[in-house]
Structure formats: C-alpha cells, structure tokens
C-alpha cells in the first residue's frame, strides 16, 4: 500500500497490530449514500457489516432456533415416553412395575397395588412366591390338573393326586403305598415287629426294616403306609 500519513510517515512503515478487539478502531475510506470520506470504523461495526453481508447473522439465528426446537422436541419425546411407560405400568400387555421394596405391583384401575413378593431362599428351603393382597374365594390356584378356585380347593385336594394327613395338612398322594402287617404291635405310637421279622427280614413289606435289638420298625420313606408317619426313620402310628 502506498501513501503516507498526515505526519508524512509512509503507511508501509507503520507497525502492524498483532490483535484487535471489538472496541478498537480502524481508519478507512467509506462510501455511503453517494458520499466518500475517511472515517474511523470500530472493529465491532466492521465485523457486524461483514457478518450481515455474508449471511452469517441469519445463519447463526437459524441454527439457534433449530437447536432450541430440537431441544424442545427431545424434551417432549422424553416426556411422552415416560408418560407412555407410566400409563402401561402394572397393566396387562404393559410393563412390569415394582414398588419401593421390589415387590410386583399391579393396577386396581386407579393406582398401583403391591401384589406379589418373593420369600428368599434359605439353606433348607427354596425361594417361594407370596401374595401380598388378600385372595377372595374367586381366586384360582394353578395345579397340574388345571386352575382350581380357592372355594373348591378342599374338595379338589381330595382327588387322586392329594390326601389329607395328620393335622389337616394337604400333601401329594404317594405313588407307592403299603400295608402295615397285622401282627405288628404299637408301643406308644411306635411300631414294633415280632421276632420272626428279625430272623426273617425278607418277609417285611418293601421299605421297612427292623432294629435287631429293639424290634422297632424302621422306614426308608420309599413307601407310604396309611395312618403312619415317618418320624426320622421310625415308623409311627397316627389316627386320622
């Protein structure tokens, strides 16, 4: 660039700025409205003019509007998804719902109700399901023979698969049953076999043996004898 400053210093000899800020001012010749004159031009004004000329301002505004719209849509989508999940929680064909304790919760048509929990397993017992809601007589229990209403349970439990034993307990009917020999005696409620069974153990019914010293009848539990219980390996008499 040729020319000099008003003081006579060549423009090419002036120091070059290494950086400018929006408040710095440049000197230039500006033609505006048919008038050409030298003017001081703030860097911020020059930057705004350049941005406007190349469409940068409009592009930034459009990008900001698009970002705001996308954020709003994402927020709405999240809300819709949450509402959808909440609407389906605990309902048929919906999604599982758990209460604060991890119990299964089902809707009663108005609100979620804790309905089912799991009793933890122990060293001697497997985990079991436990209903938390009171069951009425129309409730049904699924068995190998089909669904049985609670009101019909007592009758159903007396069919070929179940029987009632001492204390009113309902148990699965044994697949193998036997008959206690008529010559066995009962001491208290413990069966005692005659000496003939001690000398000839093969004459005992399957599943039974005899203690040689006492004559007490022992059972291995493989055969069920009606009106008896297996008391830790000892065959004992009970009455229904």
C-alpha atoms as a PDB file:
ATOM      1  CA  UNK A   1       0.000   0.000   0.000  1.00  0.00           C
ATOM      2  CA  UNK A   2       1.369   3.399  -0.973  1.00  0.00           C
ATOM      3  CA  UNK A   3       0.798   6.786   0.578  1.00  0.00           C
ATOM      4  CA  UNK A   4       1.694   8.474   3.825  1.00  0.00           C
ATOM      5  CA  UNK A   5       0.043   9.545   6.993  1.00  0.00           C
ATOM      6  CA  UNK A   6      -0.721  13.173   7.721  1.00  0.00           C
ATOM      7  CA  UNK A   7       2.615  13.421   9.528  1.00  0.00           C
ATOM      8  CA  UNK A   8       4.414  12.214   6.420  1.00  0.00           C
ATOM      9  CA  UNK A   9       5.204   8.684   7.688  1.00  0.00           C
ATOM     10  CA  UNK A  10       4.835   6.087   4.935  1.00  0.00           C
ATOM     11  CA  UNK A  11       1.917   3.779   5.662  1.00  0.00           C
ATOM     12  CA  UNK A  12       4.112   0.777   4.955  1.00  0.00           C
ATOM     13  CA  UNK A  13       6.336   1.835   7.850  1.00  0.00           C
ATOM     14  CA  UNK A  14       3.578   1.843  10.425  1.00  0.00           C
ATOM     15  CA  UNK A  15       3.630  -1.006  12.982  1.00  0.00           C
ATOM     16  CA  UNK A  16       1.269  -3.928  12.343  1.00  0.00           C
ATOM     17  CA  UNK A  17      -1.254  -4.844  15.022  1.00  0.00           C
ATOM     18  CA  UNK A  18      -0.983  -8.406  16.298  1.00  0.00           C
ATOM     19  CA  UNK A  19      -4.563  -8.445  17.588  1.00  0.00           C
ATOM     20  CA  UNK A  20      -7.665  -6.271  17.722  1.00  0.00           C
ATOM     21  CA  UNK A  21     -10.741  -6.131  19.908  1.00  0.00           C
ATOM     22  CA  UNK A  22     -14.280  -5.032  19.201  1.00  0.00           C
ATOM     23  CA  UNK A  23     -13.586  -1.624  20.717  1.00  0.00           C
ATOM     24  CA  UNK A  24     -10.514  -0.933  18.540  1.00  0.00           C
ATOM     25  CA  UNK A  25     -10.952   1.486  15.655  1.00  0.00           C
ATOM     26  CA  UNK A  26      -9.724   1.238  12.093  1.00  0.00           C
ATOM     27  CA  UNK A  27      -9.326   4.150   9.691  1.00  0.00           C
ATOM     28  CA  UNK A  28     -10.733   3.720   6.231  1.00  0.00           C
ATOM     29  CA  UNK A  29     -12.436   5.366   3.296  1.00  0.00           C
ATOM     30  CA  UNK A  30     -16.143   4.709   3.325  1.00  0.00           C
ATOM     31  CA  UNK A  31     -18.554   5.431   0.500  1.00  0.00           C
ATOM     32  CA  UNK A  32     -22.107   5.592   1.775  1.00  0.00           C
ATOM     33  CA  UNK A  33     -25.127   7.323   0.287  1.00  0.00           C
ATOM     34  CA  UNK A  34     -23.074   8.745  -2.565  1.00  0.00           C
ATOM     35  CA  UNK A  35     -20.532  10.343  -0.183  1.00  0.00           C
ATOM     36  CA  UNK A  36     -16.955   9.161   0.110  1.00  0.00           C
ATOM     37  CA  UNK A  37     -14.978  10.149   3.154  1.00  0.00           C
ATOM     38  CA  UNK A  38     -12.423   8.936   5.614  1.00  0.00           C
ATOM     39  CA  UNK A  39     -13.983   7.530   8.778  1.00  0.00           C
ATOM     40  CA  UNK A  40     -12.999   5.766  11.948  1.00  0.00           C
ATOM     41  CA  UNK A  41     -14.514   2.296  11.843  1.00  0.00           C
ATOM     42  CA  UNK A  42     -14.822   0.294  15.100  1.00  0.00           C
ATOM     43  CA  UNK A  43     -13.819  -3.354  14.631  1.00  0.00           C
ATOM     44  CA  UNK A  44     -17.193  -4.450  16.019  1.00  0.00           C
ATOM     45  CA  UNK A  45     -19.038  -2.401  13.383  1.00  0.00           C
ATOM     46  CA  UNK A  46     -16.859  -3.827  10.614  1.00  0.00           C
ATOM     47  CA  UNK A  47     -17.433  -7.384  11.897  1.00  0.00           C
ATOM     48  CA  UNK A  48     -21.196  -6.836  12.050  1.00  0.00           C
ATOM     49  CA  UNK A  49     -21.183  -5.496   8.488  1.00  0.00           C
ATOM     50  CA  UNK A  50     -19.210  -8.459   7.193  1.00  0.00           C
ATOM     51  CA  UNK A  51     -21.483 -10.912   9.031  1.00  0.00           C
ATOM     52  CA  UNK A  52     -24.553  -9.280   7.572  1.00  0.00           C
ATOM     53  CA  UNK A  53     -23.069  -9.218   4.094  1.00  0.00           C
ATOM     54  CA  UNK A  54     -22.264 -12.946   4.042  1.00  0.00           C
ATOM     55  CA  UNK A  55     -25.438 -14.015   5.849  1.00  0.00           C
ATOM     56  CA  UNK A  56     -23.624 -15.191   8.976  1.00  0.00           C
ATOM     57  CA  UNK A  57     -26.003 -13.467  11.367  1.00  0.00           C
ATOM     58  CA  UNK A  58     -29.040 -15.094   9.789  1.00  0.00           C
ATOM     59  CA  UNK A  59     -27.292 -18.468   9.778  1.00  0.00           C
ATOM     60  CA  UNK A  60     -26.463 -18.201  13.484  1.00  0.00           C
ATOM     61  CA  UNK A  61     -30.017 -17.172  14.307  1.00  0.00           C
ATOM     62  CA  UNK A  62     -31.386 -20.073  12.257  1.00  0.00           C
ATOM     63  CA  UNK A  63     -29.006 -22.511  13.960  1.00  0.00           C
ATOM     64  CA  UNK A  64     -30.011 -21.236  17.388  1.00  0.00           C
ATOM     65  CA  UNK A  65     -33.691 -21.567  16.516  1.00  0.00           C
ATOM     66  CA  UNK A  66     -33.142 -25.099  15.182  1.00  0.00           C
ATOM     67  CA  UNK A  67     -31.215 -26.087  18.331  1.00  0.00           C
ATOM     68  CA  UNK A  68     -33.961 -24.692  20.561  1.00  0.00           C
ATOM     69  CA  UNK A  69     -36.605 -26.544  18.523  1.00  0.00           C
ATOM     70  CA  UNK A  70     -34.644 -29.804  18.672  1.00  0.00           C
ATOM     71  CA  UNK A  71     -34.200 -29.468  22.431  1.00  0.00           C
ATOM     72  CA  UNK A  72     -37.922 -28.844  22.878  1.00  0.00           C
ATOM     73  CA  UNK A  73     -38.776 -31.844  20.699  1.00  0.00           C
ATOM     74  CA  UNK A  74     -36.350 -34.068  22.605  1.00  0.00           C
ATOM     75  CA  UNK A  75     -37.828 -32.937  25.920  1.00  0.00           C
ATOM     76  CA  UNK A  76     -41.335 -33.620  24.649  1.00  0.00           C
ATOM     77  CA  UNK A  77     -40.313 -37.037  23.330  1.00  0.00           C
ATOM     78  CA  UNK A  78     -38.805 -37.922  26.714  1.00  0.00           C
ATOM     79  CA  UNK A  79     -41.955 -36.779  28.465  1.00  0.00           C
ATOM     80  CA  UNK A  80     -44.137 -38.737  26.053  1.00  0.00           C
ATOM     81  CA  UNK A  81     -42.040 -41.873  26.572  1.00  0.00           C
ATOM     82  CA  UNK A  82     -42.212 -41.507  30.355  1.00  0.00           C
ATOM     83  CA  UNK A  83     -45.964 -40.949  30.201  1.00  0.00           C
ATOM     84  CA  UNK A  84     -46.353 -43.994  27.965  1.00  0.00           C
ATOM     85  CA  UNK A  85     -44.372 -46.208  30.347  1.00  0.00           C
ATOM     86  CA  UNK A  86     -46.261 -44.904  33.373  1.00  0.00           C
ATOM     87  CA  UNK A  87     -49.578 -45.490  31.646  1.00  0.00           C
ATOM     88  CA  UNK A  88     -48.619 -49.116  30.917  1.00  0.00           C
ATOM     89  CA  UNK A  89     -47.034 -49.962  34.289  1.00  0.00           C
ATOM     90  CA  UNK A  90     -48.609 -52.920  36.015  1.00  0.00           C
ATOM     91  CA  UNK A  91     -51.238 -53.431  33.302  1.00  0.00           C
ATOM     92  CA  UNK A  92     -51.924 -56.377  31.045  1.00  0.00           C
ATOM     93  CA  UNK A  93     -49.838 -56.089  27.895  1.00  0.00           C
ATOM     94  CA  UNK A  94     -47.869 -53.262  29.511  1.00  0.00           C
ATOM     95  CA  UNK A  95     -44.674 -53.255  31.532  1.00  0.00           C
ATOM     96  CA  UNK A  96     -43.800 -54.675  34.937  1.00  0.00           C
ATOM     97  CA  UNK A  97     -43.990 -52.315  37.889  1.00  0.00           C
ATOM     98  CA  UNK A  98     -42.091 -52.688  41.157  1.00  0.00           C
ATOM     99  CA  UNK A  99     -42.759 -50.874  44.409  1.00  0.00           C
ATOM    100  CA  UNK A 100     -40.059 -49.351  46.609  1.00  0.00           C
ATOM    101  CA  UNK A 101     -39.305 -52.794  48.098  1.00  0.00           C
ATOM    102  CA  UNK A 102     -39.037 -54.583  44.757  1.00  0.00           C
ATOM    103  CA  UNK A 103     -42.458 -56.253  45.034  1.00  0.00           C
ATOM    104  CA  UNK A 104     -44.541 -56.715  41.889  1.00  0.00           C
ATOM    105  CA  UNK A 105     -47.239 -54.033  41.722  1.00  0.00           C
ATOM    106  CA  UNK A 106     -50.449 -54.272  39.694  1.00  0.00           C
ATOM    107  CA  UNK A 107     -53.089 -51.672  38.965  1.00  0.00           C
ATOM    108  CA  UNK A 108     -56.502 -51.812  40.583  1.00  0.00           C
ATOM    109  CA  UNK A 109     -57.813 -49.486  37.887  1.00  0.00           C
ATOM    110  CA  UNK A 110     -56.874 -46.379  39.827  1.00  0.00           C
ATOM    111  CA  UNK A 111     -53.486 -46.891  41.458  1.00  0.00           C
ATOM    112  CA  UNK A 112     -50.728 -49.488  41.685  1.00  0.00           C
ATOM    113  CA  UNK A 113     -51.030 -52.032  44.486  1.00  0.00           C
ATOM    114  CA  UNK A 114     -48.192 -54.213  45.784  1.00  0.00           C
ATOM    115  CA  UNK A 115     -49.373 -57.682  44.799  1.00  0.00           C
ATOM    116  CA  UNK A 116     -46.607 -60.277  44.895  1.00  0.00           C
ATOM    117  CA  UNK A 117     -43.270 -60.768  46.590  1.00  0.00           C
ATOM    118  CA  UNK A 118     -40.573 -63.437  46.778  1.00  0.00           C
ATOM    119  CA  UNK A 119     -39.713 -65.060  50.084  1.00  0.00           C
ATOM    120  CA  UNK A 120     -35.909 -65.505  49.953  1.00  0.00           C
ATOM    121  CA  UNK A 121     -34.404 -68.958  49.864  1.00  0.00           C
ATOM    122  CA  UNK A 122     -32.763 -70.369  52.975  1.00  0.00           C
ATOM    123  CA  UNK A 123     -30.302 -73.179  53.482  1.00  0.00           C
ATOM    124  CA  UNK A 124     -33.184 -75.637  53.781  1.00  0.00           C
ATOM    125  CA  UNK A 125     -35.949 -74.110  51.642  1.00  0.00           C
ATOM    126  CA  UNK A 126     -36.166 -72.787  48.090  1.00  0.00           C
ATOM    127  CA  UNK A 127     -37.464 -69.291  47.365  1.00  0.00           C
ATOM    128  CA  UNK A 128     -41.254 -69.061  47.232  1.00  0.00           C
ATOM    129  CA  UNK A 129     -43.849 -66.637  45.889  1.00  0.00           C
ATOM    130  CA  UNK A 130     -46.058 -64.885  48.432  1.00  0.00           C
ATOM    131  CA  UNK A 131     -49.205 -62.898  47.562  1.00  0.00           C
ATOM    132  CA  UNK A 132     -49.448 -59.567  49.362  1.00  0.00           C
ATOM    133  CA  UNK A 133     -53.113 -58.953  48.579  1.00  0.00           C
ATOM    134  CA  UNK A 134     -55.918 -60.850  50.279  1.00  0.00           C
ATOM    135  CA  UNK A 135     -57.279 -63.571  47.997  1.00  0.00           C
ATOM    136  CA  UNK A 136     -61.043 -63.980  47.816  1.00  0.00           C
ATOM    137  CA  UNK A 137     -62.854 -67.229  47.050  1.00  0.00           C
ATOM    138  CA  UNK A 138     -62.941 -66.482  43.341  1.00  0.00           C
ATOM    139  CA  UNK A 139     -59.131 -66.548  43.151  1.00  0.00           C
ATOM    140  CA  UNK A 140     -57.636 -69.566  41.447  1.00  0.00           C
ATOM    141  CA  UNK A 141     -54.534 -71.647  42.019  1.00  0.00           C
ATOM    142  CA  UNK A 142     -52.864 -73.342  39.064  1.00  0.00           C
ATOM    143  CA  UNK A 143     -52.258 -77.073  39.538  1.00  0.00           C
ATOM    144  CA  UNK A 144     -51.093 -79.857  37.274  1.00  0.00           C
ATOM    145  CA  UNK A 145     -54.750 -80.729  36.742  1.00  0.00           C
ATOM    146  CA  UNK A 146     -55.792 -77.173  35.850  1.00  0.00           C
ATOM    147  CA  UNK A 147     -56.844 -73.984  37.627  1.00  0.00           C
ATOM    148  CA  UNK A 148     -58.728 -74.534  40.892  1.00  0.00           C
ATOM    149  CA  UNK A 149     -60.783 -71.882  42.695  1.00  0.00           C
ATOM    150  CA  UNK A 150     -59.908 -71.437  46.360  1.00  0.00           C
ATOM    151  CA  UNK A 151     -63.522 -72.189  47.233  1.00  0.00           C
ATOM    152  CA  UNK A 152     -63.131 -75.618  45.603  1.00  0.00           C
ATOM    153  CA  UNK A 153     -59.654 -76.313  46.935  1.00  0.00           C
ATOM    154  CA  UNK A 154     -60.712 -78.535  49.833  1.00  0.00           C
ATOM    155  CA  UNK A 155     -62.667 -80.823  47.502  1.00  0.00           C
ATOM    156  CA  UNK A 156     -60.020 -80.824  44.793  1.00  0.00           C
ATOM    157  CA  UNK A 157     -57.268 -81.719  47.234  1.00  0.00           C
ATOM    158  CA  UNK A 158     -59.072 -84.987  47.976  1.00  0.00           C
ATOM    159  CA  UNK A 159     -58.794 -86.276  44.417  1.00  0.00           C
ATOM    160  CA  UNK A 160     -56.331 -88.890  43.206  1.00  0.00           C
ATOM    161  CA  UNK A 161     -53.354 -86.551  43.457  1.00  0.00           C
ATOM    162  CA  UNK A 162     -53.725 -85.351  47.072  1.00  0.00           C
ATOM    163  CA  UNK A 163     -54.809 -86.515  50.508  1.00  0.00           C
ATOM    164  CA  UNK A 164     -55.180 -85.039  53.984  1.00  0.00           C
ATOM    165  CA  UNK A 165     -52.872 -86.284  56.701  1.00  0.00           C
ATOM    166  CA  UNK A 166     -52.494 -85.670  60.433  1.00  0.00           C
ATOM    167  CA  UNK A 167     -53.295 -82.095  61.396  1.00  0.00           C
ATOM    168  CA  UNK A 168     -55.375 -81.437  58.303  1.00  0.00           C
ATOM    169  CA  UNK A 169     -52.321 -80.863  56.111  1.00  0.00           C
ATOM    170  CA  UNK A 170     -52.838 -81.500  52.401  1.00  0.00           C
ATOM    171  CA  UNK A 171     -49.966 -83.362  50.741  1.00  0.00           C
ATOM    172  CA  UNK A 172     -49.347 -85.025  47.405  1.00  0.00           C
ATOM    173  CA  UNK A 173     -50.596 -88.584  47.382  1.00  0.00           C
ATOM    174  CA  UNK A 174     -47.638 -91.037  47.410  1.00  0.00           C
ATOM    175  CA  UNK A 175     -47.095 -93.023  44.266  1.00  0.00           C
ATOM    176  CA  UNK A 176     -46.282 -96.178  46.271  1.00  0.00           C
ATOM    177  CA  UNK A 177     -48.297 -97.286  49.286  1.00  0.00           C
ATOM    178  CA  UNK A 178     -48.075-100.320  51.520  1.00  0.00           C
ATOM    179  CA  UNK A 179     -49.927-102.080  54.333  1.00  0.00           C
ATOM    180  CA  UNK A 180     -48.629-102.487  57.865  1.00  0.00           C
ATOM    181  CA  UNK A 181     -48.638-106.215  58.821  1.00  0.00           C
ATOM    182  CA  UNK A 182     -51.408-107.051  61.240  1.00  0.00           C
ATOM    183  CA  UNK A 183     -49.028-108.731  63.691  1.00  0.00           C
ATOM    184  CA  UNK A 184     -47.093-105.534  64.323  1.00  0.00           C
ATOM    185  CA  UNK A 185     -47.746-104.072  67.759  1.00  0.00           C
ATOM    186  CA  UNK A 186     -47.667-100.450  68.844  1.00  0.00           C
ATOM    187  CA  UNK A 187     -45.673 -99.232  71.829  1.00  0.00           C
ATOM    188  CA  UNK A 188     -46.886 -95.707  72.456  1.00  0.00           C
ATOM    189  CA  UNK A 189     -47.161 -94.836  68.803  1.00  0.00           C
ATOM    190  CA  UNK A 190     -44.029 -96.693  67.648  1.00  0.00           C
ATOM    191  CA  UNK A 191     -44.496 -99.869  65.630  1.00  0.00           C
ATOM    192  CA  UNK A 192     -42.698-102.946  66.964  1.00  0.00           C
ATOM    193  CA  UNK A 193     -42.259-106.114  64.887  1.00  0.00           C
ATOM    194  CA  UNK A 194     -42.342-109.710  66.256  1.00  0.00           C
ATOM    195  CA  UNK A 195     -39.059-111.582  66.490  1.00  0.00           C
ATOM    196  CA  UNK A 196     -39.940-113.563  63.362  1.00  0.00           C
ATOM    197  CA  UNK A 197     -39.301-110.475  61.238  1.00  0.00           C
ATOM    198  CA  UNK A 198     -35.897-110.020  62.855  1.00  0.00           C
ATOM    199  CA  UNK A 199     -34.848-113.546  61.908  1.00  0.00           C
ATOM    200  CA  UNK A 200     -36.516-113.342  58.504  1.00  0.00           C
ATOM    201  CA  UNK A 201     -36.210-109.712  57.310  1.00  0.00           C
ATOM    202  CA  UNK A 202     -37.198-110.681  53.754  1.00  0.00           C
ATOM    203  CA  UNK A 203     -40.783-111.147  54.969  1.00  0.00           C
ATOM    204  CA  UNK A 204     -41.066-107.436  55.773  1.00  0.00           C
ATOM    205  CA  UNK A 205     -43.023-105.188  53.397  1.00  0.00           C
ATOM    206  CA  UNK A 206     -40.886-103.173  50.985  1.00  0.00           C
ATOM    207  CA  UNK A 207     -39.418-100.032  52.516  1.00  0.00           C
ATOM    208  CA  UNK A 208     -39.366-101.403  56.082  1.00  0.00           C
ATOM    209  CA  UNK A 209     -36.646-102.895  58.245  1.00  0.00           C
ATOM    210  CA  UNK A 210     -36.384-103.864  61.912  1.00  0.00           C
ATOM    211  CA  UNK A 211     -33.885-102.859  64.574  1.00  0.00           C
ATOM    212  CA  UNK A 212     -32.493-106.226  65.713  1.00  0.00           C
ATOM    213  CA  UNK A 213     -32.026-105.120  69.315  1.00  0.00           C
ATOM    214  CA  UNK A 214     -35.390-103.469  69.966  1.00  0.00           C
ATOM    215  CA  UNK A 215     -37.705-104.772  67.261  1.00  0.00           C
ATOM    216  CA  UNK A 216     -38.622-101.189  66.372  1.00  0.00           C
ATOM    217  CA  UNK A 217     -39.807-100.899  62.782  1.00  0.00           C
ATOM    218  CA  UNK A 218     -37.785 -98.550  60.607  1.00  0.00           C
ATOM    219  CA  UNK A 219     -38.782 -96.977  57.283  1.00  0.00           C
ATOM    220  CA  UNK A 220     -36.666 -95.637  54.454  1.00  0.00           C
ATOM    221  CA  UNK A 221     -39.517 -93.390  53.254  1.00  0.00           C
ATOM    222  CA  UNK A 222     -39.818 -95.024  49.834  1.00  0.00           C
ATOM    223  CA  UNK A 223     -43.264 -96.496  50.638  1.00  0.00           C
ATOM    224  CA  UNK A 224     -46.143 -94.689  52.314  1.00  0.00           C
ATOM    225  CA  UNK A 225     -48.179 -96.605  54.879  1.00  0.00           C
ATOM    226  CA  UNK A 226     -51.590 -95.030  55.556  1.00  0.00           C
ATOM    227  CA  UNK A 227     -52.176 -93.743  59.102  1.00  0.00           C
ATOM    228  CA  UNK A 228     -48.443 -93.664  59.785  1.00  0.00           C
ATOM    229  CA  UNK A 229     -45.729 -91.058  59.817  1.00  0.00           C
ATOM    230  CA  UNK A 230     -42.019 -91.304  59.203  1.00  0.00           C
ATOM    231  CA  UNK A 231     -40.530 -89.970  62.431  1.00  0.00           C
ATOM    232  CA  UNK A 232     -36.878 -89.548  61.447  1.00  0.00           C
ATOM    233  CA  UNK A 233     -36.768 -93.087  60.069  1.00  0.00           C
ATOM    234  CA  UNK A 234     -39.046 -94.673  62.688  1.00  0.00           C
ATOM    235  CA  UNK A 235     -42.479 -95.878  61.597  1.00  0.00           C
ATOM    236  CA  UNK A 236     -45.080 -94.411  63.922  1.00  0.00           C
ATOM    237  CA  UNK A 237     -48.855 -94.860  64.063  1.00  0.00           C
ATOM    238  CA  UNK A 238     -51.280 -91.937  63.821  1.00  0.00           C
ATOM    239  CA  UNK A 239     -55.036 -91.717  63.688  1.00  0.00           C
ATOM    240  CA  UNK A 240     -56.969 -89.588  61.191  1.00  0.00           C
END
